[in-house]
């Protein structure tokens, strides 16, 4: 982590032989969060029969509030863009667009309002149940007002850690979906953590993630310094 912080390495992955919490703690202590990020988060890219699906937050934030949920959503959208997605994001709940006023549903609804206000170009909506999020024909027939329209949702944002973690592991075990993650979001450098006992394939995939992350950061640095041009 110190090598990455000092610029002697562009990125790192760790965690194959140590518990997740033991790996993450020194990363936060040495590298820390990026500027203007209040909460770091994680995402998994699941390679499913219907195509890639990004899930967040799968490993860190237990019960994010509306503002934190909005920040996690924006960081996950940025991850999708870095990997060539046009992010279409659904914020999930047991409720659909105000059908419940329980605090668990309200916070998701409030997060969507924050996102629509701060980034009106972002294709995101909720709160919405999973089946409506993933079935665009069903969604369009029942909720034609949704900003998701008839688009295929490729990113799912969960209301809490329990829901996200359980879902990605269900997909992995029951449907043999390939899992890439947890991909760290909101850190100062390109640092990512493997699951304990990760396979060789998972380590290769996470190395590719770290490389892409480091490249995207370098592009942004050049743009900020006015060093980039159209031929880059």
C-alpha atoms as a PDB file:
ATOM      1  CA  UNK A   1       0.000   0.000   0.000  1.00  0.00           C
ATOM      2  CA  UNK A   2       2.869   2.392   0.755  1.00  0.00           C
ATOM      3  CA  UNK A   3       4.428   1.674  -2.647  1.00  0.00           C
ATOM      4  CA  UNK A   4       1.153   2.639  -4.345  1.00  0.00           C
ATOM      5  CA  UNK A   5       0.778   5.751  -2.186  1.00  0.00           C
ATOM      6  CA  UNK A   6       4.297   6.926  -3.068  1.00  0.00           C
ATOM      7  CA  UNK A   7       3.911   6.232  -6.781  1.00  0.00           C
ATOM      8  CA  UNK A   8       6.324   3.277  -6.944  1.00  0.00           C
ATOM      9  CA  UNK A   9       3.412   1.098  -8.124  1.00  0.00           C
ATOM     10  CA  UNK A  10       0.287   2.027 -10.063  1.00  0.00           C
ATOM     11  CA  UNK A  11      -2.049  -0.359  -8.233  1.00  0.00           C
ATOM     12  CA  UNK A  12      -2.285  -3.421  -6.051  1.00  0.00           C
ATOM     13  CA  UNK A  13      -4.443  -6.405  -5.191  1.00  0.00           C
ATOM     14  CA  UNK A  14      -4.321  -8.338  -1.940  1.00  0.00           C
ATOM     15  CA  UNK A  15      -6.371 -10.665   0.220  1.00  0.00           C
ATOM     16  CA  UNK A  16      -5.900 -14.215  -1.071  1.00  0.00           C
ATOM     17  CA  UNK A  17      -4.581 -15.561   2.218  1.00  0.00           C
ATOM     18  CA  UNK A  18      -6.001 -13.125   4.789  1.00  0.00           C
ATOM     19  CA  UNK A  19      -9.431 -12.223   6.101  1.00  0.00           C
ATOM     20  CA  UNK A  20     -11.105  -9.351   4.252  1.00  0.00           C
ATOM     21  CA  UNK A  21     -11.223  -7.067   7.303  1.00  0.00           C
ATOM     22  CA  UNK A  22      -7.502  -7.579   7.956  1.00  0.00           C
ATOM     23  CA  UNK A  23      -6.689  -6.512   4.397  1.00  0.00           C
ATOM     24  CA  UNK A  24      -9.030  -3.535   4.186  1.00  0.00           C
ATOM     25  CA  UNK A  25      -7.979  -1.876   7.457  1.00  0.00           C
ATOM     26  CA  UNK A  26      -4.374  -1.035   6.466  1.00  0.00           C
ATOM     27  CA  UNK A  27      -5.550   0.069   3.012  1.00  0.00           C
ATOM     28  CA  UNK A  28      -7.840   2.660   4.592  1.00  0.00           C
ATOM     29  CA  UNK A  29      -5.137   3.669   7.073  1.00  0.00           C
ATOM     30  CA  UNK A  30      -2.363   4.094   4.469  1.00  0.00           C
ATOM     31  CA  UNK A  31      -4.188   5.120   1.291  1.00  0.00           C
ATOM     32  CA  UNK A  32      -7.576   6.330   2.444  1.00  0.00           C
ATOM     33  CA  UNK A  33     -10.547   7.704   0.560  1.00  0.00           C
ATOM     34  CA  UNK A  34     -10.424   9.954  -2.473  1.00  0.00           C
ATOM     35  CA  UNK A  35     -11.118  13.648  -2.104  1.00  0.00           C
ATOM     36  CA  UNK A  36     -14.824  14.493  -1.725  1.00  0.00           C
ATOM     37  CA  UNK A  37     -15.724  10.867  -0.971  1.00  0.00           C
ATOM     38  CA  UNK A  38     -17.490  10.378   2.353  1.00  0.00           C
ATOM     39  CA  UNK A  39     -17.860   6.586   2.180  1.00  0.00           C
ATOM     40  CA  UNK A  40     -15.859   4.022   0.230  1.00  0.00           C
ATOM     41  CA  UNK A  41     -17.854   1.107  -1.155  1.00  0.00           C
ATOM     42  CA  UNK A  42     -17.516  -2.054  -3.224  1.00  0.00           C
ATOM     43  CA  UNK A  43     -19.142  -3.580  -6.282  1.00  0.00           C
ATOM     44  CA  UNK A  44     -19.208  -6.957  -7.982  1.00  0.00           C
ATOM     45  CA  UNK A  45     -19.501  -7.500 -11.706  1.00  0.00           C
ATOM     46  CA  UNK A  46     -21.520 -10.665 -12.271  1.00  0.00           C
ATOM     47  CA  UNK A  47     -21.210 -12.328 -15.679  1.00  0.00           C
ATOM     48  CA  UNK A  48     -24.709 -13.750 -16.118  1.00  0.00           C
ATOM     49  CA  UNK A  49     -26.623 -15.401 -18.956  1.00  0.00           C
ATOM     50  CA  UNK A  50     -28.272 -12.069 -19.713  1.00  0.00           C
ATOM     51  CA  UNK A  51     -24.957 -10.229 -19.746  1.00  0.00           C
ATOM     52  CA  UNK A  52     -22.810  -8.370 -17.217  1.00  0.00           C
ATOM     53  CA  UNK A  53     -24.586  -7.045 -14.151  1.00  0.00           C
ATOM     54  CA  UNK A  54     -23.003  -4.708 -11.592  1.00  0.00           C
ATOM     55  CA  UNK A  55     -24.094  -5.028  -7.938  1.00  0.00           C
ATOM     56  CA  UNK A  56     -23.285  -2.610  -5.084  1.00  0.00           C
ATOM     57  CA  UNK A  57     -22.508  -2.201  -2.209  1.00  0.00           C
ATOM     58  CA  UNK A  58     -21.557  -5.812  -1.638  1.00  0.00           C
ATOM     59  CA  UNK A  59     -18.889  -5.697   1.081  1.00  0.00           C
ATOM     60  CA  UNK A  60     -18.573  -2.526   3.181  1.00  0.00           C
ATOM     61  CA  UNK A  61     -21.536  -0.322   4.125  1.00  0.00           C
ATOM     62  CA  UNK A  62     -24.025  -2.157   6.343  1.00  0.00           C
ATOM     63  CA  UNK A  63     -26.929   0.303   6.263  1.00  0.00           C
ATOM     64  CA  UNK A  64     -26.175   3.426   4.209  1.00  0.00           C
ATOM     65  CA  UNK A  65     -28.468   6.440   4.535  1.00  0.00           C
ATOM     66  CA  UNK A  66     -29.993   8.226   1.537  1.00  0.00           C
ATOM     67  CA  UNK A  67     -26.988  10.503   0.922  1.00  0.00           C
ATOM     68  CA  UNK A  68     -24.546   7.612   1.216  1.00  0.00           C
ATOM     69  CA  UNK A  69     -26.694   5.469  -1.060  1.00  0.00           C
ATOM     70  CA  UNK A  70     -26.671   8.246  -3.673  1.00  0.00           C
ATOM     71  CA  UNK A  71     -22.880   8.479  -3.435  1.00  0.00           C
ATOM     72  CA  UNK A  72     -22.502   4.700  -3.795  1.00  0.00           C
ATOM     73  CA  UNK A  73     -24.749   4.825  -6.863  1.00  0.00           C
ATOM     74  CA  UNK A  74     -22.707   7.572  -8.506  1.00  0.00           C
ATOM     75  CA  UNK A  75     -19.416   5.760  -7.850  1.00  0.00           C
ATOM     76  CA  UNK A  76     -20.890   2.550  -9.261  1.00  0.00           C
ATOM     77  CA  UNK A  77     -22.051   4.415 -12.370  1.00  0.00           C
ATOM     78  CA  UNK A  78     -18.504   5.726 -12.816  1.00  0.00           C
ATOM     79  CA  UNK A  79     -17.215   2.153 -12.548  1.00  0.00           C
ATOM     80  CA  UNK A  80     -19.604   1.100 -15.300  1.00  0.00           C
ATOM     81  CA  UNK A  81     -18.390   3.908 -17.553  1.00  0.00           C
ATOM     82  CA  UNK A  82     -14.769   2.875 -16.978  1.00  0.00           C
ATOM     83  CA  UNK A  83     -15.637  -0.638 -18.160  1.00  0.00           C
ATOM     84  CA  UNK A  84     -17.493   0.542 -21.237  1.00  0.00           C
ATOM     85  CA  UNK A  85     -21.060   0.345 -19.906  1.00  0.00           C
ATOM     86  CA  UNK A  86     -23.778   2.908 -20.485  1.00  0.00           C
ATOM     87  CA  UNK A  87     -25.010   2.731 -16.877  1.00  0.00           C
ATOM     88  CA  UNK A  88     -28.705   2.065 -16.371  1.00  0.00           C
ATOM     89  CA  UNK A  89     -29.221   1.878 -12.624  1.00  0.00           C
ATOM     90  CA  UNK A  90     -32.069   0.629 -10.449  1.00  0.00           C
ATOM     91  CA  UNK A  91     -32.170   1.302  -6.710  1.00  0.00           C
ATOM     92  CA  UNK A  92     -33.826  -1.767  -5.261  1.00  0.00           C
ATOM     93  CA  UNK A  93     -36.347  -2.194  -2.473  1.00  0.00           C
ATOM     94  CA  UNK A  94     -39.321  -4.338  -1.515  1.00  0.00           C
ATOM     95  CA  UNK A  95     -41.386  -1.270  -2.513  1.00  0.00           C
ATOM     96  CA  UNK A  96     -42.223   0.336  -5.871  1.00  0.00           C
ATOM     97  CA  UNK A  97     -42.203   4.109  -6.314  1.00  0.00           C
ATOM     98  CA  UNK A  98     -43.805   5.124  -3.049  1.00  0.00           C
ATOM     99  CA  UNK A  99     -45.964   2.072  -2.332  1.00  0.00           C
ATOM    100  CA  UNK A 100     -44.505   1.989   1.199  1.00  0.00           C
ATOM    101  CA  UNK A 101     -43.602   4.777   3.601  1.00  0.00           C
ATOM    102  CA  UNK A 102     -41.420   2.603   5.813  1.00  0.00           C
ATOM    103  CA  UNK A 103     -38.020   4.243   6.469  1.00  0.00           C
ATOM    104  CA  UNK A 104     -36.246   1.442   4.578  1.00  0.00           C
ATOM    105  CA  UNK A 105     -38.151   2.333   1.412  1.00  0.00           C
ATOM    106  CA  UNK A 106     -38.127   6.083   1.982  1.00  0.00           C
ATOM    107  CA  UNK A 107     -34.326   6.273   2.141  1.00  0.00           C
ATOM    108  CA  UNK A 108     -34.055   4.613  -1.279  1.00  0.00           C
ATOM    109  CA  UNK A 109     -36.619   7.026  -2.698  1.00  0.00           C
ATOM    110  CA  UNK A 110     -34.716   9.962  -1.221  1.00  0.00           C
ATOM    111  CA  UNK A 111     -31.443   8.703  -2.710  1.00  0.00           C
ATOM    112  CA  UNK A 112     -33.047   8.699  -6.159  1.00  0.00           C
ATOM    113  CA  UNK A 113     -34.249  12.290  -5.656  1.00  0.00           C
ATOM    114  CA  UNK A 114     -30.700  13.326  -4.760  1.00  0.00           C
ATOM    115  CA  UNK A 115     -29.315  11.634  -7.879  1.00  0.00           C
ATOM    116  CA  UNK A 116     -31.949  13.175 -10.183  1.00  0.00           C
ATOM    117  CA  UNK A 117     -31.156  16.586  -8.718  1.00  0.00           C
ATOM    118  CA  UNK A 118     -27.362  16.365  -8.833  1.00  0.00           C
ATOM    119  CA  UNK A 119     -26.980  14.403 -12.074  1.00  0.00           C
ATOM    120  CA  UNK A 120     -30.117  14.614 -14.249  1.00  0.00           C
ATOM    121  CA  UNK A 121     -28.288  12.917 -17.144  1.00  0.00           C
ATOM    122  CA  UNK A 122     -27.826   9.723 -15.137  1.00  0.00           C
ATOM    123  CA  UNK A 123     -30.313   6.992 -16.053  1.00  0.00           C
ATOM    124  CA  UNK A 124     -31.425   5.876 -12.593  1.00  0.00           C
ATOM    125  CA  UNK A 125     -34.721   5.242 -10.831  1.00  0.00           C
ATOM    126  CA  UNK A 126     -36.327   3.632  -7.799  1.00  0.00           C
ATOM    127  CA  UNK A 127     -37.285   2.562  -5.344  1.00  0.00           C
ATOM    128  CA  UNK A 128     -38.194  -0.537  -7.343  1.00  0.00           C
ATOM    129  CA  UNK A 129     -38.547  -4.274  -6.808  1.00  0.00           C
ATOM    130  CA  UNK A 130     -36.028  -6.572  -8.451  1.00  0.00           C
ATOM    131  CA  UNK A 131     -38.393  -8.238 -10.921  1.00  0.00           C
ATOM    132  CA  UNK A 132     -39.604  -4.903 -12.283  1.00  0.00           C
ATOM    133  CA  UNK A 133     -36.017  -3.659 -12.458  1.00  0.00           C
ATOM    134  CA  UNK A 134     -34.848  -6.606 -14.544  1.00  0.00           C
ATOM    135  CA  UNK A 135     -37.983  -7.181 -16.651  1.00  0.00           C
ATOM    136  CA  UNK A 136     -38.227  -4.118 -18.868  1.00  0.00           C
ATOM    137  CA  UNK A 137     -41.537  -5.141 -20.481  1.00  0.00           C
ATOM    138  CA  UNK A 138     -43.176  -5.644 -17.102  1.00  0.00           C
ATOM    139  CA  UNK A 139     -41.716  -2.389 -15.810  1.00  0.00           C
ATOM    140  CA  UNK A 140     -42.809  -0.374 -18.818  1.00  0.00           C
ATOM    141  CA  UNK A 141     -46.371  -1.729 -18.616  1.00  0.00           C
ATOM    142  CA  UNK A 142     -46.767  -1.041 -14.887  1.00  0.00           C
ATOM    143  CA  UNK A 143     -44.609   2.064 -14.437  1.00  0.00           C
ATOM    144  CA  UNK A 144     -44.485   3.918 -17.780  1.00  0.00           C
ATOM    145  CA  UNK A 145     -43.418   7.103 -15.964  1.00  0.00           C
ATOM    146  CA  UNK A 146     -40.096   5.552 -14.863  1.00  0.00           C
ATOM    147  CA  UNK A 147     -36.965   7.196 -16.207  1.00  0.00           C
ATOM    148  CA  UNK A 148     -35.650   3.681 -16.879  1.00  0.00           C
ATOM    149  CA  UNK A 149     -38.161   3.410 -19.728  1.00  0.00           C
ATOM    150  CA  UNK A 150     -37.631   0.329 -21.869  1.00  0.00           C
ATOM    151  CA  UNK A 151     -33.887   0.187 -21.248  1.00  0.00           C
ATOM    152  CA  UNK A 152     -32.128  -2.905 -19.917  1.00  0.00           C
ATOM    153  CA  UNK A 153     -30.935  -2.324 -16.373  1.00  0.00           C
ATOM    154  CA  UNK A 154     -27.277  -3.313 -16.006  1.00  0.00           C
ATOM    155  CA  UNK A 155     -26.580  -2.006 -12.493  1.00  0.00           C
ATOM    156  CA  UNK A 156     -28.393  -2.864  -9.252  1.00  0.00           C
ATOM    157  CA  UNK A 157     -27.938  -0.781  -6.107  1.00  0.00           C
ATOM    158  CA  UNK A 158     -29.081  -2.493  -2.921  1.00  0.00           C
ATOM    159  CA  UNK A 159     -30.511  -0.779   0.159  1.00  0.00           C
ATOM    160  CA  UNK A 160     -28.125  -2.508   2.562  1.00  0.00           C
ATOM    161  CA  UNK A 161     -25.169  -4.842   2.791  1.00  0.00           C
ATOM    162  CA  UNK A 162     -27.236  -7.918   3.679  1.00  0.00           C
ATOM    163  CA  UNK A 163     -29.288  -7.761   0.496  1.00  0.00           C
ATOM    164  CA  UNK A 164     -26.314  -7.112  -1.782  1.00  0.00           C
ATOM    165  CA  UNK A 165     -23.994  -9.715  -0.283  1.00  0.00           C
ATOM    166  CA  UNK A 166     -26.649 -12.434  -0.179  1.00  0.00           C
ATOM    167  CA  UNK A 167     -27.710 -11.739  -3.778  1.00  0.00           C
ATOM    168  CA  UNK A 168     -24.290 -11.863  -5.383  1.00  0.00           C
ATOM    169  CA  UNK A 169     -23.455 -15.112  -3.592  1.00  0.00           C
ATOM    170  CA  UNK A 170     -26.792 -16.639  -4.630  1.00  0.00           C
ATOM    171  CA  UNK A 171     -26.092 -15.758  -8.255  1.00  0.00           C
ATOM    172  CA  UNK A 172     -22.618 -17.207  -7.977  1.00  0.00           C
ATOM    173  CA  UNK A 173     -23.654 -20.502  -6.392  1.00  0.00           C
ATOM    174  CA  UNK A 174     -27.065 -21.217  -7.935  1.00  0.00           C
ATOM    175  CA  UNK A 175     -26.529 -19.884 -11.441  1.00  0.00           C
ATOM    176  CA  UNK A 176     -22.756 -20.353 -11.763  1.00  0.00           C
ATOM    177  CA  UNK A 177     -22.397 -16.661 -12.569  1.00  0.00           C
ATOM    178  CA  UNK A 178     -18.777 -15.587 -12.790  1.00  0.00           C
ATOM    179  CA  UNK A 179     -17.983 -13.026 -10.103  1.00  0.00           C
ATOM    180  CA  UNK A 180     -15.455 -10.195 -10.430  1.00  0.00           C
ATOM    181  CA  UNK A 181     -14.958  -8.361  -7.171  1.00  0.00           C
ATOM    182  CA  UNK A 182     -15.167  -6.918  -4.675  1.00  0.00           C
ATOM    183  CA  UNK A 183     -14.071  -3.869  -6.697  1.00  0.00           C
ATOM    184  CA  UNK A 184     -13.177  -1.024  -4.358  1.00  0.00           C
ATOM    185  CA  UNK A 185     -14.876   2.321  -5.017  1.00  0.00           C
ATOM    186  CA  UNK A 186     -13.878   5.711  -3.644  1.00  0.00           C
ATOM    187  CA  UNK A 187     -10.228   5.143  -2.716  1.00  0.00           C
ATOM    188  CA  UNK A 188      -7.371   7.497  -3.567  1.00  0.00           C
ATOM    189  CA  UNK A 189      -5.521   4.837  -5.566  1.00  0.00           C
ATOM    190  CA  UNK A 190      -6.185   1.720  -7.645  1.00  0.00           C
ATOM    191  CA  UNK A 191      -6.361  -0.816  -4.827  1.00  0.00           C
ATOM    192  CA  UNK A 192      -8.592  -3.895  -4.829  1.00  0.00           C
ATOM    193  CA  UNK A 193      -9.146  -6.774  -2.418  1.00  0.00           C
ATOM    194  CA  UNK A 194      -9.543 -10.448  -3.256  1.00  0.00           C
ATOM    195  CA  UNK A 195     -11.884 -12.795  -1.475  1.00  0.00           C
ATOM    196  CA  UNK A 196     -10.116 -15.159   0.917  1.00  0.00           C
ATOM    197  CA  UNK A 197      -8.992 -18.199  -1.094  1.00  0.00           C
ATOM    198  CA  UNK A 198      -9.698 -16.592  -4.479  1.00  0.00           C
ATOM    199  CA  UNK A 199      -9.093 -18.807  -7.510  1.00  0.00           C
ATOM    200  CA  UNK A 200      -6.397 -18.117 -10.096  1.00  0.00           C
ATOM    201  CA  UNK A 201      -9.102 -16.917 -12.508  1.00  0.00           C
ATOM    202  CA  UNK A 202     -10.469 -14.512  -9.905  1.00  0.00           C
ATOM    203  CA  UNK A 203      -6.978 -13.155  -9.252  1.00  0.00           C
ATOM    204  CA  UNK A 204      -6.400 -12.641 -12.986  1.00  0.00           C
ATOM    205  CA  UNK A 205      -9.728 -10.841 -13.306  1.00  0.00           C
ATOM    206  CA  UNK A 206      -9.004  -8.575 -10.348  1.00  0.00           C
ATOM    207  CA  UNK A 207      -5.575  -7.763 -11.748  1.00  0.00           C
ATOM    208  CA  UNK A 208      -7.276  -6.642 -14.958  1.00  0.00           C
ATOM    209  CA  UNK A 209      -9.653  -4.499 -12.893  1.00  0.00           C
ATOM    210  CA  UNK A 210      -6.720  -2.856 -11.088  1.00  0.00           C
ATOM    211  CA  UNK A 211      -4.997  -2.145 -14.418  1.00  0.00           C
ATOM    212  CA  UNK A 212      -8.107  -0.534 -15.915  1.00  0.00           C
ATOM    213  CA  UNK A 213      -8.629   1.469 -12.722  1.00  0.00           C
ATOM    214  CA  UNK A 214      -5.041   2.745 -12.798  1.00  0.00           C
ATOM    215  CA  UNK A 215      -5.314   3.651 -16.491  1.00  0.00           C
ATOM    216  CA  UNK A 216      -8.549   5.591 -15.936  1.00  0.00           C
ATOM    217  CA  UNK A 217      -6.973   7.491 -13.058  1.00  0.00           C
ATOM    218  CA  UNK A 218      -3.991   8.412 -15.230  1.00  0.00           C
ATOM    219  CA  UNK A 219      -6.314   9.645 -17.983  1.00  0.00           C
ATOM    220  CA  UNK A 220      -8.164  11.843 -15.490  1.00  0.00           C
ATOM    221  CA  UNK A 221      -4.864  13.167 -14.124  1.00  0.00           C
ATOM    222  CA  UNK A 222      -3.736  14.145 -17.616  1.00  0.00           C
ATOM    223  CA  UNK A 223      -7.052  15.839 -18.363  1.00  0.00           C
ATOM    224  CA  UNK A 224      -6.852  17.778 -15.105  1.00  0.00           C
ATOM    225  CA  UNK A 225      -3.311  18.922 -15.910  1.00  0.00           C
ATOM    226  CA  UNK A 226      -4.142  19.709 -19.530  1.00  0.00           C
ATOM    227  CA  UNK A 227      -1.758  17.053 -20.829  1.00  0.00           C
ATOM    228  CA  UNK A 228      -4.240  14.943 -22.810  1.00  0.00           C
ATOM    229  CA  UNK A 229      -5.193  15.330 -26.431  1.00  0.00           C
ATOM    230  CA  UNK A 230      -7.522  13.630 -28.876  1.00  0.00           C
ATOM    231  CA  UNK A 231      -4.818  11.200 -30.009  1.00  0.00           C
ATOM    232  CA  UNK A 232      -4.280   9.699 -26.513  1.00  0.00           C
END
